[in-house]
């Protein structure tokens, strides 16, 4: 199976969000080809959640899983630590009071 580059996936994801009028932006630009992507969902009430893609060894499928949830400050600190381990990491911030992130939609796994 051919994998999309991180840059291509991020551009497609941002386009999907924009079409749903969900504000999002790149906080950290990772490696264009193989960088992992972390999505921060900011609900604009002081709370946030971070998601990362996981690989299911049994099925071979990829899916998004919640990495951490809490105050935005705690999430930002966790993301900062993660970037310290992985400088190629992309970080996308989605801002939506309703908590929409679209990661559960087909084609984004």
PDB file of N, CA and C in Angstrom:
ATOM      1  N   UNK A   1       0.837  -1.171   0.000  1.00  0.00           N
ATOM      2  CA  UNK A   1       0.000   0.000   0.000  1.00  0.00           C
ATOM      3  C   UNK A   1       0.890   1.246   0.000  1.00  0.00           C
ATOM      4  N   UNK A   2       0.576   2.193  -0.845  1.00  0.00           N
ATOM      5  CA  UNK A   2       1.326   3.428  -0.933  1.00  0.00           C
ATOM      6  C   UNK A   2       0.863   4.381   0.157  1.00  0.00           C
ATOM      7  N   UNK A   3       1.813   4.961   0.856  1.00  0.00           N
ATOM      8  CA  UNK A   3       1.490   5.932   1.898  1.00  0.00           C
ATOM      9  C   UNK A   3       1.593   7.340   1.342  1.00  0.00           C
ATOM     10  N   UNK A   4       0.679   8.179   1.771  1.00  0.00           N
ATOM     11  CA  UNK A   4       0.743   9.584   1.399  1.00  0.00           C
ATOM     12  C   UNK A   4       1.869  10.253   2.173  1.00  0.00           C
ATOM     13  N   UNK A   5       2.473  11.265   1.575  1.00  0.00           N
ATOM     14  CA  UNK A   5       3.464  12.023   2.328  1.00  0.00           C
ATOM     15  C   UNK A   5       2.740  12.821   3.409  1.00  0.00           C
ATOM     16  N   UNK A   6       3.456  13.151   4.458  1.00  0.00           N
ATOM     17  CA  UNK A   6       2.869  13.922   5.551  1.00  0.00           C
ATOM     18  C   UNK A   6       2.373  15.273   5.039  1.00  0.00           C
ATOM     19  N   UNK A   7       3.153  15.912   4.201  1.00  0.00           N
ATOM     20  CA  UNK A   7       2.779  17.216   3.659  1.00  0.00           C
ATOM     21  C   UNK A   7       1.466  17.128   2.878  1.00  0.00           C
ATOM     22  N   UNK A   8       1.307  16.118   2.050  1.00  0.00           N
ATOM     23  CA  UNK A   8       0.087  15.938   1.261  1.00  0.00           C
ATOM     24  C   UNK A   8      -1.107  15.709   2.189  1.00  0.00           C
ATOM     25  N   UNK A   9      -0.941  14.842   3.193  1.00  0.00           N
ATOM     26  CA  UNK A   9      -2.025  14.544   4.119  1.00  0.00           C
ATOM     27  C   UNK A   9      -2.458  15.802   4.869  1.00  0.00           C
ATOM     28  N   UNK A  10      -1.489  16.574   5.356  1.00  0.00           N
ATOM     29  CA  UNK A  10      -1.797  17.796   6.108  1.00  0.00           C
ATOM     30  C   UNK A  10      -2.576  18.774   5.228  1.00  0.00           C
ATOM     31  N   UNK A  11      -2.151  18.952   3.998  1.00  0.00           N
ATOM     32  CA  UNK A  11      -2.860  19.876   3.095  1.00  0.00           C
ATOM     33  C   UNK A  11      -4.290  19.405   2.854  1.00  0.00           C
ATOM     34  N   UNK A  12      -4.474  18.115   2.654  1.00  0.00           N
ATOM     35  CA  UNK A  12      -5.823  17.576   2.426  1.00  0.00           C
ATOM     36  C   UNK A  12      -6.681  17.750   3.683  1.00  0.00           C
ATOM     37  N   UNK A  13      -6.114  17.496   4.849  1.00  0.00           N
ATOM     38  CA  UNK A  13      -6.845  17.632   6.108  1.00  0.00           C
ATOM     39  C   UNK A  13      -7.269  19.087   6.331  1.00  0.00           C
ATOM     40  N   UNK A  14      -6.347  20.015   6.126  1.00  0.00           N
ATOM     41  CA  UNK A  14      -6.672  21.432   6.303  1.00  0.00           C
ATOM     42  C   UNK A  14      -7.762  21.872   5.333  1.00  0.00           C
ATOM     43  N   UNK A  15      -7.738  21.333   4.126  1.00  0.00           N
ATOM     44  CA  UNK A  15      -8.784  21.655   3.150  1.00  0.00           C
ATOM     45  C   UNK A  15     -10.140  21.144   3.621  1.00  0.00           C
ATOM     46  N   UNK A  16     -10.186  19.911   4.113  1.00  0.00           N
ATOM     47  CA  UNK A  16     -11.452  19.360   4.629  1.00  0.00           C
ATOM     48  C   UNK A  16     -11.996  20.208   5.768  1.00  0.00           C
ATOM     49  N   UNK A  17     -11.123  20.614   6.665  1.00  0.00           N
ATOM     50  CA  UNK A  17     -11.553  21.448   7.779  1.00  0.00           C
ATOM     51  C   UNK A  17     -12.069  22.801   7.270  1.00  0.00           C
ATOM     52  N   UNK A  18     -11.354  23.392   6.352  1.00  0.00           N
ATOM     53  CA  UNK A  18     -11.760  24.695   5.807  1.00  0.00           C
ATOM     54  C   UNK A  18     -13.132  24.604   5.140  1.00  0.00           C
ATOM     55  N   UNK A  19     -13.392  23.512   4.419  1.00  0.00           N
ATOM     56  CA  UNK A  19     -14.687  23.329   3.762  1.00  0.00           C
ATOM     57  C   UNK A  19     -15.834  23.219   4.770  1.00  0.00           C
ATOM     58  N   UNK A  20     -15.528  22.783   5.984  1.00  0.00           N
ATOM     59  CA  UNK A  20     -16.532  22.695   7.058  1.00  0.00           C
ATOM     60  C   UNK A  20     -16.505  23.947   7.946  1.00  0.00           C
ATOM     61  N   UNK A  21     -15.702  24.936   7.525  1.00  0.00           N
ATOM     62  CA  UNK A  21     -15.543  26.197   8.265  1.00  0.00           C
ATOM     63  C   UNK A  21     -15.063  25.973   9.694  1.00  0.00           C
ATOM     64  N   UNK A  22     -14.106  25.050   9.829  1.00  0.00           N
ATOM     65  CA  UNK A  22     -13.460  24.763  11.108  1.00  0.00           C
ATOM     66  C   UNK A  22     -12.035  25.329  11.033  1.00  0.00           C
ATOM     67  N   UNK A  23     -11.729  26.340  11.820  1.00  0.00           N
ATOM     68  CA  UNK A  23     -10.393  26.932  11.778  1.00  0.00           C
ATOM     69  C   UNK A  23      -9.314  25.933  12.207  1.00  0.00           C
ATOM     70  N   UNK A  24      -8.209  25.934  11.478  1.00  0.00           N
ATOM     71  CA  UNK A  24      -7.071  25.069  11.797  1.00  0.00           C
ATOM     72  C   UNK A  24      -5.815  25.663  11.185  1.00  0.00           C
ATOM     73  N   UNK A  25      -4.697  25.380  11.816  1.00  0.00           N
ATOM     74  CA  UNK A  25      -3.429  25.882  11.293  1.00  0.00           C
ATOM     75  C   UNK A  25      -2.290  24.979  11.725  1.00  0.00           C
ATOM     76  N   UNK A  26      -1.185  25.092  11.011  1.00  0.00           N
ATOM     77  CA  UNK A  26       0.014  24.312  11.315  1.00  0.00           C
ATOM     78  C   UNK A  26       0.789  25.038  12.405  1.00  0.00           C
ATOM     79  N   UNK A  27       0.962  24.379  13.542  1.00  0.00           N
ATOM     80  CA  UNK A  27       1.727  24.935  14.662  1.00  0.00           C
ATOM     81  C   UNK A  27       3.202  24.589  14.507  1.00  0.00           C
ATOM     82  N   UNK A  28       3.464  23.375  14.027  1.00  0.00           N
ATOM     83  CA  UNK A  28       4.836  22.913  13.815  1.00  0.00           C
ATOM     84  C   UNK A  28       4.877  22.142  12.503  1.00  0.00           C
ATOM     85  N   UNK A  29       5.778  22.537  11.631  1.00  0.00           N
ATOM     86  CA  UNK A  29       5.947  21.901  10.326  1.00  0.00           C
ATOM     87  C   UNK A  29       7.004  20.811  10.468  1.00  0.00           C
ATOM     88  N   UNK A  30       6.564  19.565  10.328  1.00  0.00           N
ATOM     89  CA  UNK A  30       7.481  18.442  10.446  1.00  0.00           C
ATOM     90  C   UNK A  30       8.102  18.071   9.115  1.00  0.00           C
ATOM     91  N   UNK A  31       8.633  16.874   9.059  1.00  0.00           N
ATOM     92  CA  UNK A  31       9.242  16.367   7.834  1.00  0.00           C
ATOM     93  C   UNK A  31       8.169  16.188   6.769  1.00  0.00           C
ATOM     94  N   UNK A  32       8.410  16.738   5.573  1.00  0.00           N
ATOM     95  CA  UNK A  32       7.412  16.697   4.499  1.00  0.00           C
ATOM     96  C   UNK A  32       7.061  15.287   4.060  1.00  0.00           C
ATOM     97  N   UNK A  33       8.011  14.396   4.106  1.00  0.00           N
ATOM     98  CA  UNK A  33       7.790  13.065   3.572  1.00  0.00           C
ATOM     99  C   UNK A  33       7.240  12.093   4.605  1.00  0.00           C
ATOM    100  N   UNK A  34       7.934  11.951   5.710  1.00  0.00           N
ATOM    101  CA  UNK A  34       7.584  10.882   6.642  1.00  0.00           C
ATOM    102  C   UNK A  34       7.296  11.351   8.061  1.00  0.00           C
ATOM    103  N   UNK A  35       7.118  12.640   8.266  1.00  0.00           N
ATOM    104  CA  UNK A  35       6.857  13.128   9.617  1.00  0.00           C
ATOM    105  C   UNK A  35       5.524  12.629  10.153  1.00  0.00           C
ATOM    106  N   UNK A  36       5.507  12.282  11.428  1.00  0.00           N
ATOM    107  CA  UNK A  36       4.245  11.914  12.076  1.00  0.00           C
ATOM    108  C   UNK A  36       3.424  13.184  12.277  1.00  0.00           C
ATOM    109  N   UNK A  37       2.100  13.009  12.427  1.00  0.00           N
ATOM    110  CA  UNK A  37       1.211  14.146  12.598  1.00  0.00           C
ATOM    111  C   UNK A  37       0.472  14.006  13.919  1.00  0.00           C
ATOM    112  N   UNK A  38       0.454  15.091  14.686  1.00  0.00           N
ATOM    113  CA  UNK A  38      -0.304  15.159  15.925  1.00  0.00           C
ATOM    114  C   UNK A  38      -1.334  16.269  15.741  1.00  0.00           C
ATOM    115  N   UNK A  39      -2.583  16.014  16.119  1.00  0.00           N
ATOM    116  CA  UNK A  39      -3.646  16.999  15.984  1.00  0.00           C
ATOM    117  C   UNK A  39      -4.098  17.423  17.369  1.00  0.00           C
ATOM    118  N   UNK A  40      -4.040  18.729  17.610  1.00  0.00           N
ATOM    119  CA  UNK A  40      -4.526  19.302  18.872  1.00  0.00           C
ATOM    120  C   UNK A  40      -5.897  19.907  18.594  1.00  0.00           C
ATOM    121  N   UNK A  41      -6.882  19.502  19.373  1.00  0.00           N
ATOM    122  CA  UNK A  41      -8.220  20.069  19.280  1.00  0.00           C
ATOM    123  C   UNK A  41      -8.405  21.032  20.441  1.00  0.00           C
ATOM    124  N   UNK A  42      -8.523  22.305  20.137  1.00  0.00           N
ATOM    125  CA  UNK A  42      -8.722  23.349  21.130  1.00  0.00           C
ATOM    126  C   UNK A  42     -10.194  23.732  21.096  1.00  0.00           C
ATOM    127  N   UNK A  43     -10.914  23.500  22.196  1.00  0.00           N
ATOM    128  CA  UNK A  43     -12.350  23.805  22.240  1.00  0.00           C
ATOM    129  C   UNK A  43     -12.618  25.229  22.731  1.00  0.00           C
ATOM    130  N   UNK A  44     -11.571  26.015  22.866  1.00  0.00           N
ATOM    131  CA  UNK A  44     -11.664  27.442  23.170  1.00  0.00           C
ATOM    132  C   UNK A  44     -12.330  27.742  24.515  1.00  0.00           C
ATOM    133  N   UNK A  45     -12.273  26.779  25.426  1.00  0.00           N
ATOM    134  CA  UNK A  45     -12.808  26.970  26.770  1.00  0.00           C
ATOM    135  C   UNK A  45     -11.751  26.634  27.825  1.00  0.00           C
ATOM    136  N   UNK A  46     -10.486  26.648  27.401  1.00  0.00           N
ATOM    137  CA  UNK A  46      -9.388  26.308  28.298  1.00  0.00           C
ATOM    138  C   UNK A  46      -9.032  24.831  28.290  1.00  0.00           C
ATOM    139  N   UNK A  47      -9.816  24.026  27.548  1.00  0.00           N
ATOM    140  CA  UNK A  47      -9.580  22.586  27.465  1.00  0.00           C
ATOM    141  C   UNK A  47      -9.110  22.220  26.063  1.00  0.00           C
ATOM    142  N   UNK A  48      -8.424  21.107  25.967  1.00  0.00           N
ATOM    143  CA  UNK A  48      -7.932  20.646  24.669  1.00  0.00           C
ATOM    144  C   UNK A  48      -7.721  19.135  24.722  1.00  0.00           C
ATOM    145  N   UNK A  49      -7.579  18.567  23.551  1.00  0.00           N
ATOM    146  CA  UNK A  49      -7.261  17.138  23.400  1.00  0.00           C
ATOM    147  C   UNK A  49      -6.236  17.018  22.286  1.00  0.00           C
ATOM    148  N   UNK A  50      -5.398  16.004  22.378  1.00  0.00           N
ATOM    149  CA  UNK A  50      -4.419  15.743  21.328  1.00  0.00           C
ATOM    150  C   UNK A  50      -4.635  14.329  20.802  1.00  0.00           C
ATOM    151  N   UNK A  51      -4.532  14.183  19.487  1.00  0.00           N
ATOM    152  CA  UNK A  51      -4.738  12.906  18.816  1.00  0.00           C
ATOM    153  C   UNK A  51      -3.496  12.539  18.021  1.00  0.00           C
ATOM    154  N   UNK A  52      -3.234  11.239  17.969  1.00  0.00           N
ATOM    155  CA  UNK A  52      -2.148  10.734  17.129  1.00  0.00           C
ATOM    156  C   UNK A  52      -2.651   9.509  16.379  1.00  0.00           C
ATOM    157  N   UNK A  53      -2.032   9.247  15.248  1.00  0.00           N
ATOM    158  CA  UNK A  53      -2.403   8.074  14.456  1.00  0.00           C
ATOM    159  C   UNK A  53      -1.731   6.850  15.028  1.00  0.00           C
ATOM    160  N   UNK A  54      -2.502   5.779  15.138  1.00  0.00           N
ATOM    161  CA  UNK A  54      -1.966   4.505  15.620  1.00  0.00           C
ATOM    162  C   UNK A  54      -2.149   3.448  14.553  1.00  0.00           C
ATOM    163  N   UNK A  55      -1.311   2.439  14.644  1.00  0.00           N
ATOM    164  CA  UNK A  55      -1.322   1.339  13.694  1.00  0.00           C
ATOM    165  C   UNK A  55      -1.808   0.097  14.415  1.00  0.00           C
ATOM    166  N   UNK A  56      -2.856  -0.531  13.912  1.00  0.00           N
ATOM    167  CA  UNK A  56      -3.387  -1.759  14.494  1.00  0.00           C
ATOM    168  C   UNK A  56      -2.631  -2.939  13.891  1.00  0.00           C
ATOM    169  N   UNK A  57      -1.827  -3.609  14.697  1.00  0.00           N
ATOM    170  CA  UNK A  57      -1.004  -4.718  14.199  1.00  0.00           C
ATOM    171  C   UNK A  57      -1.849  -5.888  13.694  1.00  0.00           C
ATOM    172  N   UNK A  58      -3.001  -6.107  14.293  1.00  0.00           N
ATOM    173  CA  UNK A  58      -3.845  -7.231  13.898  1.00  0.00           C
ATOM    174  C   UNK A  58      -4.474  -7.020  12.519  1.00  0.00           C
ATOM    175  N   UNK A  59      -5.040  -5.833  12.300  1.00  0.00           N
ATOM    176  CA  UNK A  59      -5.753  -5.588  11.048  1.00  0.00           C
ATOM    177  C   UNK A  59      -4.896  -4.874  10.010  1.00  0.00           C
ATOM    178  N   UNK A  60      -3.851  -4.205  10.469  1.00  0.00           N
ATOM    179  CA  UNK A  60      -3.036  -3.421   9.561  1.00  0.00           C
ATOM    180  C   UNK A  60      -3.614  -2.044   9.288  1.00  0.00           C
ATOM    181  N   UNK A  61      -4.726  -1.724   9.944  1.00  0.00           N
ATOM    182  CA  UNK A  61      -5.378  -0.432   9.745  1.00  0.00           C
ATOM    183  C   UNK A  61      -4.737   0.646  10.604  1.00  0.00           C
ATOM    184  N   UNK A  62      -4.858   1.872  10.127  1.00  0.00           N
ATOM    185  CA  UNK A  62      -4.423   3.029  10.900  1.00  0.00           C
ATOM    186  C   UNK A  62      -5.676   3.764  11.362  1.00  0.00           C
ATOM    187  N   UNK A  63      -5.632   4.282  12.576  1.00  0.00           N
ATOM    188  CA  UNK A  63      -6.749   5.053  13.090  1.00  0.00           C
ATOM    189  C   UNK A  63      -6.223   6.123  14.045  1.00  0.00           C
ATOM    190  N   UNK A  64      -7.071   7.094  14.337  1.00  0.00           N
ATOM    191  CA  UNK A  64      -6.701   8.175  15.241  1.00  0.00           C
ATOM    192  C   UNK A  64      -7.147   7.833  16.648  1.00  0.00           C
ATOM    193  N   UNK A  65      -6.282   8.044  17.607  1.00  0.00           N
ATOM    194  CA  UNK A  65      -6.585   7.776  19.004  1.00  0.00           C
ATOM    195  C   UNK A  65      -6.231   9.015  19.827  1.00  0.00           C
ATOM    196  N   UNK A  66      -7.020   9.228  20.871  1.00  0.00           N
ATOM    197  CA  UNK A  66      -6.736  10.343  21.765  1.00  0.00           C
ATOM    198  C   UNK A  66      -5.476  10.032  22.561  1.00  0.00           C
ATOM    199  N   UNK A  67      -4.533  10.923  22.482  1.00  0.00           N
ATOM    200  CA  UNK A  67      -3.265  10.778  23.192  1.00  0.00           C
ATOM    201  C   UNK A  67      -3.382  11.325  24.615  1.00  0.00           C
ATOM    202  N   UNK A  68      -4.014  12.494  24.744  1.00  0.00           N
ATOM    203  CA  UNK A  68      -4.133  13.157  26.044  1.00  0.00           C
ATOM    204  C   UNK A  68      -5.270  14.167  25.969  1.00  0.00           C
ATOM    205  N   UNK A  69      -5.902  14.405  27.110  1.00  0.00           N
ATOM    206  CA  UNK A  69      -6.945  15.424  27.226  1.00  0.00           C
ATOM    207  C   UNK A  69      -6.729  16.166  28.533  1.00  0.00           C
ATOM    208  N   UNK A  70      -7.078  17.440  28.564  1.00  0.00           N
ATOM    209  CA  UNK A  70      -6.936  18.223  29.790  1.00  0.00           C
ATOM    210  C   UNK A  70      -6.958  19.699  29.486  1.00  0.00           C
ATOM    211  N   UNK A  71      -6.289  20.450  30.346  1.00  0.00           N
ATOM    212  CA  UNK A  71      -6.235  21.887  30.107  1.00  0.00           C
ATOM    213  C   UNK A  71      -5.357  22.155  28.892  1.00  0.00           C
ATOM    214  N   UNK A  72      -5.626  23.258  28.237  1.00  0.00           N
ATOM    215  CA  UNK A  72      -4.815  23.585  27.055  1.00  0.00           C
ATOM    216  C   UNK A  72      -3.339  23.715  27.435  1.00  0.00           C
ATOM    217  N   UNK A  73      -3.083  24.251  28.591  1.00  0.00           N
ATOM    218  CA  UNK A  73      -1.704  24.410  29.052  1.00  0.00           C
ATOM    219  C   UNK A  73      -1.008  23.055  29.181  1.00  0.00           C
ATOM    220  N   UNK A  74      -1.713  22.071  29.767  1.00  0.00           N
ATOM    221  CA  UNK A  74      -1.144  20.729  29.910  1.00  0.00           C
ATOM    222  C   UNK A  74      -0.916  20.071  28.548  1.00  0.00           C
ATOM    223  N   UNK A  75      -1.852  20.270  27.644  1.00  0.00           N
ATOM    224  CA  UNK A  75      -1.722  19.678  26.309  1.00  0.00           C
ATOM    225  C   UNK A  75      -0.538  20.292  25.584  1.00  0.00           C
ATOM    226  N   UNK A  76      -0.404  21.620  25.678  1.00  0.00           N
ATOM    227  CA  UNK A  76       0.730  22.286  25.030  1.00  0.00           C
ATOM    228  C   UNK A  76       2.057  21.789  25.592  1.00  0.00           C
ATOM    229  N   UNK A  77       2.121  21.558  26.903  1.00  0.00           N
ATOM    230  CA  UNK A  77       3.349  21.050  27.517  1.00  0.00           C
ATOM    231  C   UNK A  77       3.654  19.638  27.015  1.00  0.00           C
ATOM    232  N   UNK A  78       2.622  18.800  26.906  1.00  0.00           N
ATOM    233  CA  UNK A  78       2.814  17.431  26.409  1.00  0.00           C
ATOM    234  C   UNK A  78       3.283  17.445  24.957  1.00  0.00           C
ATOM    235  N   UNK A  79       2.711  18.320  24.154  1.00  0.00           N
ATOM    236  CA  UNK A  79       3.107  18.425  22.744  1.00  0.00           C
ATOM    237  C   UNK A  79       4.551  18.907  22.651  1.00  0.00           C
ATOM    238  N   UNK A  80       4.911  19.854  23.481  1.00  0.00           N
ATOM    239  CA  UNK A  80       6.285  20.362  23.484  1.00  0.00           C
ATOM    240  C   UNK A  80       7.272  19.242  23.816  1.00  0.00           C
ATOM    241  N   UNK A  81       6.924  18.407  24.808  1.00  0.00           N
ATOM    242  CA  UNK A  81       7.791  17.266  25.153  1.00  0.00           C
ATOM    243  C   UNK A  81       7.901  16.302  23.970  1.00  0.00           C
ATOM    244  N   UNK A  82       6.779  16.041  23.323  1.00  0.00           N
ATOM    245  CA  UNK A  82       6.759  15.125  22.177  1.00  0.00           C
ATOM    246  C   UNK A  82       7.645  15.658  21.049  1.00  0.00           C
ATOM    247  N   UNK A  83       7.586  16.965  20.809  1.00  0.00           N
ATOM    248  CA  UNK A  83       8.428  17.574  19.765  1.00  0.00           C
ATOM    249  C   UNK A  83       9.899  17.495  20.150  1.00  0.00           C
ATOM    250  N   UNK A  84      10.191  17.477  21.441  1.00  0.00           N
ATOM    251  CA  UNK A  84      11.572  17.327  21.887  1.00  0.00           C
ATOM    252  C   UNK A  84      12.137  15.964  21.516  1.00  0.00           C
ATOM    253  N   UNK A  85      11.280  14.931  21.528  1.00  0.00           N
ATOM    254  CA  UNK A  85      11.690  13.582  21.132  1.00  0.00           C
ATOM    255  C   UNK A  85      11.687  13.411  19.615  1.00  0.00           C
ATOM    256  N   UNK A  86      10.785  14.121  18.940  1.00  0.00           N
ATOM    257  CA  UNK A  86      10.587  13.925  17.504  1.00  0.00           C
ATOM    258  C   UNK A  86      10.503  15.273  16.791  1.00  0.00           C
ATOM    259  N   UNK A  87      11.640  15.826  16.379  1.00  0.00           N
ATOM    260  CA  UNK A  87      11.633  17.135  15.708  1.00  0.00           C
ATOM    261  C   UNK A  87      10.965  17.099  14.330  1.00  0.00           C
ATOM    262  N   UNK A  88      10.712  15.903  13.782  1.00  0.00           N
ATOM    263  CA  UNK A  88      10.042  15.780  12.484  1.00  0.00           C
ATOM    264  C   UNK A  88       8.518  15.781  12.613  1.00  0.00           C
ATOM    265  N   UNK A  89       8.012  15.926  13.841  1.00  0.00           N
ATOM    266  CA  UNK A  89       6.586  15.862  14.127  1.00  0.00           C
ATOM    267  C   UNK A  89       5.852  17.107  13.625  1.00  0.00           C
ATOM    268  N   UNK A  90       4.750  16.874  12.916  1.00  0.00           N
ATOM    269  CA  UNK A  90       3.828  17.946  12.537  1.00  0.00           C
ATOM    270  C   UNK A  90       2.853  18.132  13.690  1.00  0.00           C
ATOM    271  N   UNK A  91       2.454  19.367  13.952  1.00  0.00           N
ATOM    272  CA  UNK A  91       1.400  19.652  14.919  1.00  0.00           C
ATOM    273  C   UNK A  91       0.381  20.556  14.240  1.00  0.00           C
ATOM    274  N   UNK A  92      -0.844  20.082  14.179  1.00  0.00           N
ATOM    275  CA  UNK A  92      -1.952  20.829  13.598  1.00  0.00           C
ATOM    276  C   UNK A  92      -2.882  21.208  14.740  1.00  0.00           C
ATOM    277  N   UNK A  93      -3.247  22.485  14.837  1.00  0.00           N
ATOM    278  CA  UNK A  93      -4.206  22.905  15.855  1.00  0.00           C
ATOM    279  C   UNK A  93      -5.537  23.203  15.192  1.00  0.00           C
ATOM    280  N   UNK A  94      -6.571  22.553  15.711  1.00  0.00           N
ATOM    281  CA  UNK A  94      -7.944  22.745  15.249  1.00  0.00           C
ATOM    282  C   UNK A  94      -8.670  23.492  16.355  1.00  0.00           C
ATOM    283  N   UNK A  95      -9.381  24.556  15.995  1.00  0.00           N
ATOM    284  CA  UNK A  95     -10.125  25.335  16.981  1.00  0.00           C
ATOM    285  C   UNK A  95     -11.611  25.214  16.692  1.00  0.00           C
ATOM    286  N   UNK A  96     -12.328  24.540  17.594  1.00  0.00           N
ATOM    287  CA  UNK A  96     -13.759  24.358  17.380  1.00  0.00           C
ATOM    288  C   UNK A  96     -14.469  24.167  18.715  1.00  0.00           C
ATOM    289  N   UNK A  97     -15.371  25.076  19.026  1.00  0.00           N
ATOM    290  CA  UNK A  97     -16.122  25.014  20.290  1.00  0.00           C
ATOM    291  C   UNK A  97     -16.963  23.742  20.391  1.00  0.00           C
ATOM    292  N   UNK A  98     -17.384  23.204  19.245  1.00  0.00           N
ATOM    293  CA  UNK A  98     -18.207  21.991  19.221  1.00  0.00           C
ATOM    294  C   UNK A  98     -17.373  20.713  19.326  1.00  0.00           C
ATOM    295  N   UNK A  99     -16.062  20.844  19.270  1.00  0.00           N
ATOM    296  CA  UNK A  99     -15.197  19.678  19.391  1.00  0.00           C
ATOM    297  C   UNK A  99     -15.055  18.872  18.109  1.00  0.00           C
ATOM    298  N   UNK A 100     -15.348  19.497  16.974  1.00  0.00           N
ATOM    299  CA  UNK A 100     -15.222  18.777  15.695  1.00  0.00           C
ATOM    300  C   UNK A 100     -13.761  18.761  15.254  1.00  0.00           C
ATOM    301  N   UNK A 101     -13.310  17.593  14.798  1.00  0.00           N
ATOM    302  CA  UNK A 101     -11.934  17.471  14.293  1.00  0.00           C
ATOM    303  C   UNK A 101     -11.890  16.692  12.975  1.00  0.00           C
ATOM    304  N   UNK A 102     -12.959  16.004  12.630  1.00  0.00           N
ATOM    305  CA  UNK A 102     -13.121  15.244  11.382  1.00  0.00           C
ATOM    306  C   UNK A 102     -12.195  14.038  11.253  1.00  0.00           C
ATOM    307  N   UNK A 103     -11.414  13.721  12.262  1.00  0.00           N
ATOM    308  CA  UNK A 103     -10.470  12.604  12.148  1.00  0.00           C
ATOM    309  C   UNK A 103     -11.156  11.248  12.011  1.00  0.00           C
ATOM    310  N   UNK A 104     -12.426  11.191  12.379  1.00  0.00           N
ATOM    311  CA  UNK A 104     -13.151   9.936  12.272  1.00  0.00           C
ATOM    312  C   UNK A 104     -13.826   9.768  10.911  1.00  0.00           C
ATOM    313  N   UNK A 105     -13.616  10.704  10.003  1.00  0.00           N
ATOM    314  CA  UNK A 105     -14.197  10.618   8.665  1.00  0.00           C
ATOM    315  C   UNK A 105     -13.380   9.679   7.772  1.00  0.00           C
ATOM    316  N   UNK A 106     -14.037   9.031   6.815  1.00  0.00           N
ATOM    317  CA  UNK A 106     -13.316   8.153   5.895  1.00  0.00           C
ATOM    318  C   UNK A 106     -12.194   8.887   5.161  1.00  0.00           C
ATOM    319  N   UNK A 107     -11.079   8.187   4.989  1.00  0.00           N
ATOM    320  CA  UNK A 107      -9.961   8.727   4.240  1.00  0.00           C
ATOM    321  C   UNK A 107      -8.948   9.483   5.074  1.00  0.00           C
ATOM    322  N   UNK A 108      -9.224   9.705   6.350  1.00  0.00           N
ATOM    323  CA  UNK A 108      -8.284  10.451   7.189  1.00  0.00           C
ATOM    324  C   UNK A 108      -7.496   9.558   8.133  1.00  0.00           C
ATOM    325  N   UNK A 109      -7.750   8.268   8.123  1.00  0.00           N
ATOM    326  CA  UNK A 109      -7.077   7.340   9.022  1.00  0.00           C
ATOM    327  C   UNK A 109      -5.656   7.067   8.708  1.00  0.00           C
TER     328      UNK A 109
END
